[in-house]
Amino acid sequence: MILHGTLGKRHRRTALAAGLVFTVWFAWFLVTWLGLPDSYPAPLCPSDVPPWWPSFIPA
């Protein structure tokens, strides 16, 4: 609503691009900051590669 009120009346594509950039940034922020536990990497996975990961696929 803020973008539409400020940019959308004159620059519709700019408002759309700014909204898309903000949405991607906010999703990245939520996943990396809130979704990452403090105990990462886990004790079962000290090399950041799970034990079940196939060796022929680079990690």
N, C-alpha and C. Protein backbone atom coordinates (compact mmCIF):
# COMPACT_ATOMS: atom_id res chain seq x y z
N MET A 1 0.82 -1.19 0.00
CA MET A 1 0.00 0.00 0.00
C MET A 1 0.87 1.26 0.00
N ILE A 2 1.97 1.21 0.74
CA ILE A 2 2.85 2.38 0.79
C ILE A 2 3.48 2.63 -0.59
N LEU A 3 3.95 1.56 -1.22
CA LEU A 3 4.56 1.72 -2.54
C LEU A 3 3.54 2.20 -3.57
N HIS A 4 2.35 1.70 -3.48
CA HIS A 4 1.32 2.13 -4.44
C HIS A 4 0.99 3.60 -4.22
N GLY A 5 0.94 4.02 -2.98
CA GLY A 5 0.61 5.41 -2.69
C GLY A 5 1.72 6.38 -3.07
N THR A 6 2.98 5.94 -2.97
CA THR A 6 4.08 6.85 -3.25
C THR A 6 4.57 6.74 -4.69
N LEU A 7 4.79 5.55 -5.18
CA LEU A 7 5.34 5.36 -6.51
C LEU A 7 4.31 4.91 -7.54
N GLY A 8 3.30 4.23 -7.10
CA GLY A 8 2.36 3.59 -8.03
C GLY A 8 1.54 4.54 -8.87
N LYS A 9 1.32 5.73 -8.38
CA LYS A 9 0.50 6.68 -9.13
C LYS A 9 1.23 7.19 -10.37
N ARG A 10 2.55 7.33 -10.27
CA ARG A 10 3.32 7.85 -11.39
C ARG A 10 4.17 6.80 -12.08
N HIS A 11 4.81 5.96 -11.28
CA HIS A 11 5.76 4.98 -11.81
C HIS A 11 5.32 3.58 -11.39
N ARG A 12 4.43 3.02 -12.14
CA ARG A 12 3.85 1.73 -11.77
C ARG A 12 4.90 0.62 -11.80
N ARG A 13 5.76 0.58 -12.81
CA ARG A 13 6.79 -0.46 -12.90
C ARG A 13 7.82 -0.32 -11.79
N THR A 14 8.16 0.90 -11.42
CA THR A 14 9.11 1.11 -10.32
C THR A 14 8.52 0.61 -9.01
N ALA A 15 7.25 0.87 -8.78
CA ALA A 15 6.60 0.39 -7.57
C ALA A 15 6.57 -1.14 -7.55
N LEU A 16 6.31 -1.74 -8.69
CA LEU A 16 6.28 -3.20 -8.77
C LEU A 16 7.68 -3.78 -8.51
N ALA A 17 8.70 -3.18 -9.11
CA ALA A 17 10.07 -3.66 -8.92
C ALA A 17 10.51 -3.47 -7.47
N ALA A 18 10.19 -2.34 -6.87
CA ALA A 18 10.55 -2.10 -5.47
C ALA A 18 9.84 -3.08 -4.55
N GLY A 19 8.60 -3.37 -4.83
CA GLY A 19 7.87 -4.36 -4.03
C GLY A 19 8.45 -5.75 -4.17
N LEU A 20 8.85 -6.10 -5.37
CA LEU A 20 9.46 -7.41 -5.58
C LEU A 20 10.81 -7.52 -4.87
N VAL A 21 11.63 -6.48 -4.97
CA VAL A 21 12.93 -6.49 -4.29
C VAL A 21 12.74 -6.58 -2.78
N PHE A 22 11.81 -5.81 -2.24
CA PHE A 22 11.57 -5.86 -0.80
C PHE A 22 11.06 -7.23 -0.37
N THR A 23 10.18 -7.84 -1.14
CA THR A 23 9.64 -9.15 -0.80
C THR A 23 10.73 -10.20 -0.80
N VAL A 24 11.60 -10.19 -1.79
CA VAL A 24 12.71 -11.15 -1.85
C VAL A 24 13.66 -10.92 -0.69
N TRP A 25 13.99 -9.67 -0.40
CA TRP A 25 14.90 -9.37 0.72
C TRP A 25 14.28 -9.81 2.03
N PHE A 26 13.00 -9.54 2.24
CA PHE A 26 12.34 -9.89 3.50
C PHE A 26 12.25 -11.40 3.66
N ALA A 27 11.97 -12.12 2.59
CA ALA A 27 11.93 -13.58 2.66
C ALA A 27 13.32 -14.13 2.99
N TRP A 28 14.37 -13.58 2.36
CA TRP A 28 15.74 -14.01 2.66
C TRP A 28 16.06 -13.73 4.13
N PHE A 29 15.68 -12.58 4.63
CA PHE A 29 15.92 -12.22 6.02
C PHE A 29 15.24 -13.20 6.97
N LEU A 30 14.00 -13.51 6.71
CA LEU A 30 13.28 -14.43 7.60
C LEU A 30 13.88 -15.82 7.59
N VAL A 31 14.28 -16.30 6.43
CA VAL A 31 14.83 -17.65 6.32
C VAL A 31 16.20 -17.72 6.98
N THR A 32 17.05 -16.73 6.75
CA THR A 32 18.42 -16.82 7.27
C THR A 32 18.53 -16.40 8.72
N TRP A 33 17.81 -15.38 9.15
CA TRP A 33 17.98 -14.90 10.51
C TRP A 33 17.09 -15.64 11.50
N LEU A 34 15.82 -15.82 11.15
CA LEU A 34 14.90 -16.48 12.06
C LEU A 34 14.90 -17.99 11.92
N GLY A 35 15.21 -18.50 10.74
CA GLY A 35 15.14 -19.93 10.50
C GLY A 35 16.41 -20.69 10.82
N LEU A 36 17.48 -19.99 11.15
CA LEU A 36 18.75 -20.64 11.40
C LEU A 36 18.93 -20.86 12.90
N PRO A 37 19.00 -22.10 13.36
CA PRO A 37 19.16 -22.34 14.80
C PRO A 37 20.56 -21.94 15.28
N ASP A 38 20.65 -21.67 16.57
CA ASP A 38 21.93 -21.27 17.16
C ASP A 38 22.94 -22.41 17.17
N SER A 39 22.48 -23.62 17.11
CA SER A 39 23.38 -24.77 17.18
C SER A 39 23.87 -25.22 15.81
N TYR A 40 23.73 -24.37 14.79
CA TYR A 40 24.17 -24.75 13.45
C TYR A 40 25.67 -24.59 13.36
N PRO A 41 26.44 -25.48 12.83
CA PRO A 41 26.05 -26.79 12.31
C PRO A 41 25.77 -27.78 13.43
N ALA A 42 24.93 -28.70 13.14
CA ALA A 42 24.51 -29.68 14.14
C ALA A 42 25.66 -30.62 14.50
N PRO A 43 25.65 -31.16 15.71
CA PRO A 43 26.71 -32.09 16.11
C PRO A 43 26.77 -33.34 15.23
N LEU A 44 25.64 -33.74 14.65
CA LEU A 44 25.64 -34.92 13.79
C LEU A 44 26.22 -34.63 12.42
N CYS A 45 26.38 -33.38 12.11
CA CYS A 45 26.78 -32.98 10.78
C CYS A 45 27.86 -31.88 10.86
N PRO A 46 29.01 -32.16 11.44
CA PRO A 46 30.00 -31.10 11.65
C PRO A 46 30.59 -30.52 10.37
N SER A 47 30.60 -31.27 9.29
CA SER A 47 31.18 -30.76 8.04
C SER A 47 30.12 -30.10 7.16
N ASP A 48 28.94 -29.86 7.69
CA ASP A 48 27.81 -29.27 6.97
C ASP A 48 27.33 -30.14 5.81
N VAL A 49 27.71 -31.39 5.80
CA VAL A 49 27.22 -32.34 4.80
C VAL A 49 26.57 -33.48 5.57
N PRO A 50 25.29 -33.75 5.33
CA PRO A 50 24.63 -34.82 6.07
C PRO A 50 25.22 -36.19 5.72
N PRO A 51 25.16 -37.12 6.66
CA PRO A 51 25.74 -38.45 6.42
C PRO A 51 25.08 -39.20 5.26
N TRP A 52 23.84 -38.89 4.95
CA TRP A 52 23.13 -39.59 3.88
C TRP A 52 23.40 -38.98 2.51
N TRP A 53 24.14 -37.85 2.43
CA TRP A 53 24.37 -37.18 1.16
C TRP A 53 25.26 -38.03 0.27
N PRO A 54 24.88 -38.28 -0.98
CA PRO A 54 25.69 -39.12 -1.87
C PRO A 54 27.03 -38.44 -2.21
N SER A 55 28.06 -39.23 -2.27
CA SER A 55 29.40 -38.68 -2.48
C SER A 55 29.63 -38.18 -3.90
N PHE A 56 28.83 -38.64 -4.87
CA PHE A 56 29.04 -38.21 -6.25
C PHE A 56 28.41 -36.84 -6.54
N ILE A 57 27.64 -36.30 -5.59
CA ILE A 57 27.07 -34.96 -5.74
C ILE A 57 27.89 -34.01 -4.87
N PRO A 58 28.52 -32.99 -5.47
CA PRO A 58 29.30 -32.07 -4.65
C PRO A 58 28.42 -31.27 -3.70
N ALA A 59 28.93 -31.05 -2.53
CA ALA A 59 28.17 -30.31 -1.52
C ALA A 59 28.71 -28.91 -1.36
